[in-house]
Amino acid sequence: MNKLTTHLQHPNVQATDCLLRLLQVPVHSFTVEQQLEEHPDWPSLLCISDALHQWHVPHLAAKAADQQLPDTHYPLLAVTNHPERPLAVVVGVHNDVVHFYQYSYRQQHQEPLKDFLQRWTGIYLIAEATPQSGDPEYAAAARKRRWQLALPITALLLALTALGGLCWPRLQHLTGSANLSGGGATIAAIIAIFILYLAGLAVSLMLLWYDIDKRNPLLQKVCTGLVKTNCNAILNSSASKLFGWLSWSEIGFAYYAGGLLLMAFPTQAPWALQWLGLVGVAALVYPIFSIYYQWRIAKQWCMLCLAVQAVLVLQGTALWMGNYLPALSLDTLTTFLIPQSAFIIATVYILPLLAWLFLKPWLLRHQTVLQGAAGLPTPQV
């Protein structure tokens, strides 16, 4: 089973998948989850029994009369009184010590037999694999799951590639102008700014994606991979929204998408990079606020948020290297406030934000339907 998805599935799904894995029965975890959660008696032991029958796995569910584990037929499912993970996958009893999987279903645990029997309800399910056992659609299910995980990443890469292609003519013009003026460092700075804007947009899209699908295995892996990392605690905190409704993730998306569109805008005016320098310096206030909040107030870290902060700091460095940090003067501000410039600036930032705010309710409703069908907590629309 894919380790990315293990901790996101219902414990009964994990236990059943663990049992099948130990029996070496080829059924994909995606199929196990779908089969069990679509059963009308989910999450009872009956739905597991019916699924095993469908996969041609001989089995027997019973209640021990003497409250003793069977001497043979391991592994088996034992129903315990654990409030969150009631199913233990027992693999054997040796010297009055029970060997079982339960708390993660990936790591084997040991417990004195008398202690295990105290929390065991006496109900168990034994199963045995045969040459006919398994899912005939196992390979197709594995391919389907790989596609489900790969499609969002592919869509993101295609979107960034398309945007990069849109910006490329403008980038060539800017670097050509810098080359004529003899600025090798300036050319490197322009390319770095462009790449950093693409990287910032990618991370911002991941943050928006997390807001829609918090159970996504890839994002969960990123957000919970280290000690004291919890994207959910930061992104759902009171400090995560401006004016109580516009999230910093959405502001970041508009910032990076708008900057890239401005770089792609078919104009020869030099003020575009000067504007990016101005807002780039202003944006450096945000990493200070965000890092302080995560460090001193929330005392937890959001890895995606830290990635955004790193990109902002690197952007500031690239803008400084390219000498695109304009001095605040009346002439500079007038350049940005003339009707044509102001219209372009407003358009490139507002359009991506409006597009996202238009799509967001539909995406949330779609995710609600998907998660509701699986019996999972649904996001708030």
Protein backbone atom coordinates (compact mmCIF):
# COMPACT_ATOMS: atom_id res chain seq x y z
CA MET A 1 0.00 0.00 0.00
CA ASN A 2 1.18 3.52 -0.75
CA LYS A 3 2.64 4.91 2.47
CA LEU A 4 1.44 8.40 1.60
CA THR A 5 -2.19 7.33 1.90
CA THR A 6 -1.94 5.05 4.94
CA HIS A 7 -2.53 7.62 7.66
CA LEU A 8 -5.39 9.22 5.69
CA GLN A 9 -7.58 6.11 5.48
CA HIS A 10 -10.12 4.91 8.02
CA PRO A 11 -8.51 2.59 10.61
CA ASN A 12 -10.76 -0.31 9.56
CA VAL A 13 -9.53 0.09 5.98
CA GLN A 14 -5.93 0.12 7.20
CA ALA A 15 -6.52 -3.01 9.29
CA THR A 16 -8.11 -4.89 6.39
CA ASP A 17 -5.33 -3.85 4.06
CA CYS A 18 -2.76 -4.97 6.63
CA LEU A 19 -4.45 -8.39 6.90
CA LEU A 20 -4.45 -8.80 3.12
CA ARG A 21 -0.83 -7.73 2.93
CA LEU A 22 0.20 -10.34 5.51
CA LEU A 23 -1.82 -12.98 3.65
CA GLN A 24 -0.14 -11.84 0.41
CA VAL A 25 -3.49 -11.34 -1.29
CA PRO A 26 -3.18 -8.86 -4.21
CA VAL A 27 -5.82 -6.20 -3.54
CA HIS A 28 -4.90 -2.52 -3.88
CA SER A 29 -5.51 -0.32 -0.84
CA PHE A 30 -7.57 2.01 -3.04
CA THR A 31 -9.89 -0.92 -3.86
CA VAL A 32 -10.07 -1.94 -0.18
CA GLU A 33 -11.10 1.58 0.80
CA GLN A 34 -13.69 1.87 -1.95
CA GLN A 35 -15.17 -1.59 -1.37
CA LEU A 36 -15.52 -1.20 2.41
CA GLU A 37 -16.78 2.38 2.54
CA GLU A 38 -19.42 1.79 -0.13
CA HIS A 39 -20.88 -1.15 1.82
CA PRO A 40 -24.31 -0.39 3.37
CA ASP A 41 -23.14 -1.75 6.76
CA TRP A 42 -19.90 0.24 6.88
CA PRO A 43 -17.90 0.23 9.16
CA SER A 44 -19.03 -3.10 10.63
CA LEU A 45 -17.19 -6.42 10.50
CA LEU A 46 -19.82 -7.58 8.01
CA CYS A 47 -18.52 -5.26 5.29
CA ILE A 48 -15.02 -6.74 5.75
CA SER A 49 -16.45 -10.25 5.55
CA ASP A 50 -18.37 -9.47 2.36
CA ALA A 51 -15.29 -7.88 0.79
CA LEU A 52 -13.15 -10.92 1.61
CA HIS A 53 -15.80 -13.13 0.06
CA GLN A 54 -15.70 -11.04 -3.12
CA TRP A 55 -11.91 -11.39 -3.25
CA HIS A 56 -12.19 -15.19 -2.80
CA VAL A 57 -10.55 -15.24 0.63
CA PRO A 58 -11.99 -18.03 2.83
CA HIS A 59 -12.68 -16.67 6.32
CA LEU A 60 -14.67 -17.13 9.50
CA ALA A 61 -15.90 -14.58 12.04
CA ALA A 62 -16.72 -15.80 15.53
CA LYS A 63 -16.77 -14.94 19.23
CA ALA A 64 -14.52 -16.92 21.56
CA ALA A 65 -16.49 -18.62 24.31
CA ASP A 66 -13.53 -18.84 26.70
CA GLN A 67 -12.00 -15.43 25.87
CA GLN A 68 -8.88 -17.11 24.52
CA LEU A 69 -7.18 -16.41 21.21
CA PRO A 70 -7.17 -19.31 18.74
CA ASP A 71 -4.03 -21.43 18.80
CA THR A 72 -3.69 -21.39 15.01
CA HIS A 73 -4.88 -19.46 11.96
CA TYR A 74 -2.73 -16.37 12.13
CA PRO A 75 -2.91 -13.61 11.10
CA LEU A 76 -6.40 -12.74 12.32
CA LEU A 77 -8.48 -9.64 13.02
CA ALA A 78 -9.30 -9.14 16.70
CA VAL A 79 -11.90 -6.57 17.78
CA THR A 80 -10.67 -4.57 20.79
CA ASN A 81 -12.13 -1.75 22.88
CA HIS A 82 -9.77 0.86 21.43
CA PRO A 83 -11.97 3.93 20.71
CA GLU A 84 -10.31 4.92 17.42
CA ARG A 85 -8.58 1.76 16.14
CA PRO A 86 -10.68 -1.17 17.31
CA LEU A 87 -9.22 -3.76 14.93
CA ALA A 88 -5.92 -5.40 15.82
CA VAL A 89 -4.19 -7.66 13.30
CA VAL A 90 -2.72 -10.44 15.45
CA VAL A 91 0.18 -12.31 13.85
CA GLY A 92 0.94 -14.71 16.69
CA VAL A 93 1.34 -15.44 20.39
CA HIS A 94 4.75 -16.52 21.71
CA ASN A 95 5.68 -17.03 25.37
CA ASP A 96 2.49 -15.28 26.53
CA VAL A 97 3.27 -12.21 24.40
CA VAL A 98 0.90 -11.08 21.64
CA HIS A 99 2.47 -9.79 18.42
CA PHE A 100 0.10 -7.54 16.50
CA TYR A 101 -0.43 -4.48 14.26
CA GLN A 102 -2.86 -1.81 15.41
CA TYR A 103 -1.67 1.75 16.04
CA SER A 104 -0.20 2.44 12.60
CA TYR A 105 -0.75 -0.93 10.85
CA ARG A 106 2.78 -0.56 9.49
CA GLN A 107 4.78 -1.39 12.62
CA GLN A 108 4.44 -4.54 14.70
CA HIS A 109 3.78 -4.19 18.44
CA GLN A 110 4.04 -6.53 21.41
CA GLU A 111 1.90 -6.76 24.54
CA PRO A 112 1.57 -9.27 27.40
CA LEU A 113 -1.20 -11.74 26.62
CA LYS A 114 -3.17 -11.00 29.79
CA ASP A 115 -3.21 -7.25 29.00
CA PHE A 116 -4.30 -7.84 25.43
CA LEU A 117 -7.11 -10.19 26.52
CA GLN A 118 -8.45 -7.53 28.89
CA ARG A 119 -9.10 -5.14 26.01
CA TRP A 120 -10.18 -7.79 23.50
CA THR A 121 -13.94 -8.18 23.04
CA GLY A 122 -13.64 -11.87 22.15
CA ILE A 123 -14.72 -11.26 18.53
CA TYR A 124 -12.28 -12.25 15.80
CA LEU A 125 -12.05 -12.99 12.10
CA ILE A 126 -9.67 -15.58 10.70
CA ALA A 127 -8.80 -15.78 7.00
CA GLU A 128 -6.68 -17.92 4.72
CA ALA A 129 -5.37 -17.16 1.24
CA THR A 130 -5.75 -19.54 -1.68
CA PRO A 131 -4.31 -19.41 -5.22
CA GLN A 132 -7.64 -17.94 -6.35
CA SER A 133 -7.58 -15.12 -3.76
CA GLY A 134 -7.17 -11.55 -4.94
CA ASP A 135 -8.68 -8.81 -7.05
CA PRO A 136 -8.60 -9.55 -10.80
CA GLU A 137 -8.55 -5.78 -11.40
CA TYR A 138 -5.53 -5.22 -9.13
CA ALA A 139 -3.23 -3.87 -11.86
CA ALA A 140 -5.93 -1.55 -13.21
CA ALA A 141 -6.66 -0.22 -9.70
CA ALA A 142 -2.96 0.48 -9.13
CA ARG A 143 -2.76 2.40 -12.41
CA LYS A 144 -5.91 4.37 -11.56
CA ARG A 145 -4.52 5.39 -8.18
CA ARG A 146 -1.22 6.48 -9.71
CA TRP A 147 -3.13 8.64 -12.18
CA GLN A 148 -5.18 10.20 -9.38
CA LEU A 149 -2.01 11.20 -7.58
CA ALA A 150 -0.19 12.32 -10.72
CA LEU A 151 -2.93 14.36 -12.42
CA PRO A 152 -2.88 17.39 -10.05
CA ILE A 153 0.92 17.55 -10.25
CA THR A 154 0.81 17.23 -14.04
CA ALA A 155 -1.83 19.95 -14.28
CA LEU A 156 0.31 22.23 -12.11
CA LEU A 157 3.40 21.63 -14.25
CA LEU A 158 1.46 22.22 -17.47
CA ALA A 159 0.01 25.47 -16.10
CA LEU A 160 3.46 26.69 -15.08
CA THR A 161 4.90 25.67 -18.45
CA ALA A 162 2.15 27.54 -20.30
CA LEU A 163 2.66 30.62 -18.16
CA GLY A 164 6.42 30.36 -18.65
CA GLY A 165 5.90 30.19 -22.41
CA LEU A 166 3.70 33.27 -22.24
CA CYS A 167 6.38 35.16 -20.32
CA TRP A 168 9.32 33.97 -22.42
CA PRO A 169 9.14 36.62 -25.22
CA ARG A 170 9.00 39.38 -22.62
CA LEU A 171 11.87 37.78 -20.70
CA GLN A 172 13.97 37.66 -23.89
CA HIS A 173 13.29 41.35 -24.45
CA LEU A 174 14.26 42.25 -20.89
CA THR A 175 17.47 40.21 -20.94
CA GLY A 176 18.31 41.57 -24.39
CA SER A 177 17.99 45.12 -23.11
CA ALA A 178 20.17 44.26 -20.13
CA ASN A 179 22.77 42.68 -22.42
CA LEU A 180 22.94 45.83 -24.55
CA SER A 181 23.59 47.87 -21.43
CA GLY A 182 26.39 45.48 -20.42
CA GLY A 183 24.70 44.11 -17.34
CA GLY A 184 25.60 40.44 -16.91
CA ALA A 185 24.49 40.49 -13.28
CA THR A 186 21.25 42.13 -14.39
CA ILE A 187 20.52 39.30 -16.85
CA ALA A 188 21.07 36.73 -14.09
CA ALA A 189 18.81 38.74 -11.78
CA ILE A 190 15.99 38.90 -14.36
CA ILE A 191 16.14 35.14 -14.96
CA ALA A 192 16.26 34.51 -11.20
CA ILE A 193 13.24 36.78 -10.63
CA PHE A 194 11.31 34.92 -13.33
CA ILE A 195 12.15 31.48 -11.89
CA LEU A 196 11.34 32.60 -8.35
CA TYR A 197 7.95 33.92 -9.45
CA LEU A 198 7.22 30.54 -11.03
CA ALA A 199 8.33 28.77 -7.84
CA GLY A 200 6.22 31.10 -5.70
CA LEU A 201 3.19 30.49 -7.89
CA ALA A 202 3.69 26.72 -7.62
CA VAL A 203 3.80 26.85 -3.81
CA SER A 204 0.80 29.22 -3.73
CA LEU A 205 -1.20 26.80 -5.86
CA MET A 206 -0.28 24.00 -3.45
CA LEU A 207 -1.57 26.14 -0.57
CA LEU A 208 -4.84 26.76 -2.42
CA TRP A 209 -5.02 23.05 -3.22
CA TYR A 210 -4.55 22.26 0.49
CA ASP A 211 -7.43 24.61 1.33
CA ILE A 212 -9.68 22.52 -0.94
CA ASP A 213 -8.37 19.02 -0.17
CA LYS A 214 -6.66 18.80 3.22
CA ARG A 215 -6.60 15.01 3.00
CA ASN A 216 -4.51 14.93 -0.17
CA PRO A 217 -1.70 12.42 0.52
CA LEU A 218 1.05 14.43 -1.17
CA LEU A 219 0.23 17.63 0.71
CA GLN A 220 -0.19 15.71 3.97
CA LYS A 221 3.29 14.28 3.48
CA VAL A 222 4.73 17.77 2.95
CA CYS A 223 2.82 19.28 5.87
CA THR A 224 3.43 16.54 8.45
CA GLY A 225 6.88 15.32 7.47
CA LEU A 226 8.77 16.96 10.35
CA VAL A 227 8.33 17.46 14.07
CA LYS A 228 6.06 20.39 15.00
CA THR A 229 4.86 20.85 11.43
CA ASN A 230 1.13 21.40 11.06
CA CYS A 231 -0.07 23.34 8.03
CA ASN A 232 -3.68 23.02 9.13
CA ALA A 233 -3.05 24.76 12.46
CA ILE A 234 -1.45 27.73 10.70
CA LEU A 235 -3.71 27.98 7.65
CA ASN A 236 -6.89 27.80 9.76
CA SER A 237 -5.69 30.20 12.47
CA SER A 238 -7.16 33.65 13.10
CA ALA A 239 -4.05 35.22 11.54
CA SER A 240 -4.45 33.33 8.26
CA LYS A 241 -7.00 35.73 6.76
CA LEU A 242 -7.04 39.41 5.93
CA PHE A 243 -10.30 41.20 6.75
CA GLY A 244 -11.62 37.85 7.98
CA TRP A 245 -12.34 36.40 4.52
CA LEU A 246 -9.33 36.75 2.19
CA SER A 247 -6.63 34.22 3.04
CA TRP A 248 -2.93 34.93 2.78
CA SER A 249 -2.71 31.94 0.44
CA GLU A 250 -5.07 33.72 -1.97
CA ILE A 251 -3.13 36.97 -1.63
CA GLY A 252 0.09 35.10 -2.36
CA PHE A 253 -1.47 33.50 -5.43
CA ALA A 254 -2.56 36.91 -6.74
CA TYR A 255 0.90 38.35 -5.98
CA TYR A 256 2.83 35.70 -7.92
CA ALA A 257 0.32 35.27 -10.76
CA GLY A 258 0.07 39.05 -11.16
CA GLY A 259 3.84 39.45 -11.20
CA LEU A 260 4.22 36.82 -13.92
CA LEU A 261 1.44 38.36 -16.00
CA LEU A 262 3.09 41.76 -15.63
CA MET A 263 6.38 40.31 -16.87
CA ALA A 264 4.50 38.81 -19.81
CA PHE A 265 2.60 41.99 -20.64
CA PRO A 266 3.45 43.16 -24.18
CA THR A 267 4.88 46.53 -23.27
CA GLN A 268 8.33 48.00 -23.68
CA ALA A 269 7.94 50.25 -20.64
CA PRO A 270 10.74 49.74 -18.07
CA TRP A 271 8.45 50.45 -15.12
CA ALA A 272 7.22 46.81 -14.88
CA LEU A 273 10.36 45.54 -13.14
CA GLN A 274 10.51 48.71 -11.06
CA TRP A 275 6.99 47.97 -9.84
CA LEU A 276 7.98 44.38 -9.03
CA GLY A 277 10.92 45.79 -7.08
CA LEU A 278 8.63 48.09 -5.11
CA VAL A 279 6.09 45.42 -4.16
CA GLY A 280 8.92 42.92 -3.61
CA VAL A 281 10.42 45.17 -0.93
CA ALA A 282 6.99 45.76 0.63
CA ALA A 283 6.34 41.99 0.67
CA LEU A 284 9.44 41.39 2.80
CA VAL A 285 7.41 42.50 5.81
CA TYR A 286 5.28 39.36 5.51
CA PRO A 287 8.05 36.77 6.18
CA ILE A 288 8.90 38.60 9.42
CA PHE A 289 5.27 38.50 10.54
CA SER A 290 4.67 34.90 9.44
CA ILE A 291 7.84 33.42 10.92
CA TYR A 292 7.29 35.25 14.22
CA TYR A 293 3.69 34.02 14.38
CA GLN A 294 4.64 30.38 13.71
CA TRP A 295 7.63 30.50 16.08
CA ARG A 296 6.32 32.43 19.07
CA ILE A 297 2.51 32.26 18.93
CA ALA A 298 1.38 29.09 17.15
CA LYS A 299 4.62 27.24 18.05
CA GLN A 300 4.07 25.06 15.00
CA TRP A 301 5.42 25.31 11.48
CA CYS A 302 3.77 25.25 8.08
CA MET A 303 6.29 23.93 5.55
CA LEU A 304 4.45 25.39 2.57
CA CYS A 305 4.25 28.78 4.31
CA LEU A 306 7.99 28.67 5.03
CA ALA A 307 8.61 27.89 1.35
CA VAL A 308 6.70 31.06 0.42
CA GLN A 309 8.80 33.09 2.88
CA ALA A 310 12.01 31.68 1.41
CA VAL A 311 10.92 32.62 -2.12
CA LEU A 312 10.05 36.16 -1.01
CA VAL A 313 13.47 36.65 0.60
CA LEU A 314 15.26 35.24 -2.46
CA GLN A 315 13.18 37.51 -4.68
CA GLY A 316 14.22 40.53 -2.66
CA THR A 317 17.84 39.48 -3.10
CA ALA A 318 17.44 39.06 -6.88
CA LEU A 319 15.70 42.43 -7.19
CA TRP A 320 18.54 44.06 -5.27
CA MET A 321 21.14 42.34 -7.49
CA GLY A 322 19.36 43.61 -10.59
CA ASN A 323 19.10 47.13 -9.19
CA TYR A 324 15.31 47.01 -9.47
CA LEU A 325 14.63 48.52 -6.05
CA PRO A 326 13.32 51.99 -6.99
CA ALA A 327 13.87 54.97 -4.76
CA LEU A 328 10.57 56.28 -3.47
CA SER A 329 10.05 59.61 -5.19
CA LEU A 330 7.19 61.59 -6.64
CA ASP A 331 8.29 60.72 -10.17
CA THR A 332 8.34 56.99 -9.37
CA LEU A 333 4.89 57.03 -7.82
CA THR A 334 3.53 59.14 -10.68
CA THR A 335 4.74 56.52 -13.16
CA PHE A 336 2.66 53.86 -11.41
CA LEU A 337 -0.39 56.09 -10.99
CA ILE A 338 -0.88 57.24 -14.57
CA PRO A 339 -4.11 55.69 -15.94
CA GLN A 340 -2.47 53.21 -18.32
CA SER A 341 0.01 51.87 -15.74
CA ALA A 342 -2.57 51.77 -12.94
CA PHE A 343 -5.02 49.87 -15.16
CA ILE A 344 -2.40 47.27 -16.14
CA ILE A 345 -1.29 46.80 -12.51
CA ALA A 346 -4.86 46.43 -11.25
CA THR A 347 -5.79 44.02 -14.05
CA VAL A 348 -2.89 41.58 -13.65
CA TYR A 349 -3.50 41.20 -9.90
CA ILE A 350 -7.29 41.30 -9.76
CA LEU A 351 -8.05 38.93 -12.66
CA PRO A 352 -6.25 35.85 -11.18
CA LEU A 353 -7.84 36.52 -7.79
CA LEU A 354 -11.33 36.86 -9.28
CA ALA A 355 -10.81 33.68 -11.31
CA TRP A 356 -9.87 31.78 -8.15
CA LEU A 357 -12.76 33.20 -6.10
CA PHE A 358 -15.10 32.17 -8.91
CA LEU A 359 -13.75 28.60 -9.07
CA LYS A 360 -13.33 28.06 -5.32
CA PRO A 361 -17.02 27.43 -4.39
CA TRP A 362 -17.37 24.92 -7.23
CA LEU A 363 -14.17 23.10 -6.21
CA LEU A 364 -15.31 22.99 -2.57
CA ARG A 365 -18.71 21.59 -3.54
CA HIS A 366 -17.06 18.99 -5.76
CA GLN A 367 -14.72 17.96 -2.93
CA THR A 368 -17.66 17.83 -0.51
CA VAL A 369 -19.45 15.37 -2.79
CA LEU A 370 -16.35 13.18 -3.11
CA GLN A 371 -15.62 13.11 0.61
CA GLY A 372 -19.26 12.75 1.58
CA ALA A 373 -19.53 9.68 -0.62
CA ALA A 374 -16.58 8.18 1.24
CA GLY A 375 -17.92 9.05 4.69
CA LEU A 376 -15.12 11.53 5.38
CA PRO A 377 -15.22 14.99 7.01
CA THR A 378 -16.13 17.56 4.37
CA PRO A 379 -14.61 21.02 3.87
CA GLN A 380 -16.64 24.11 4.67
CA VAL A 381 -18.15 25.90 1.68
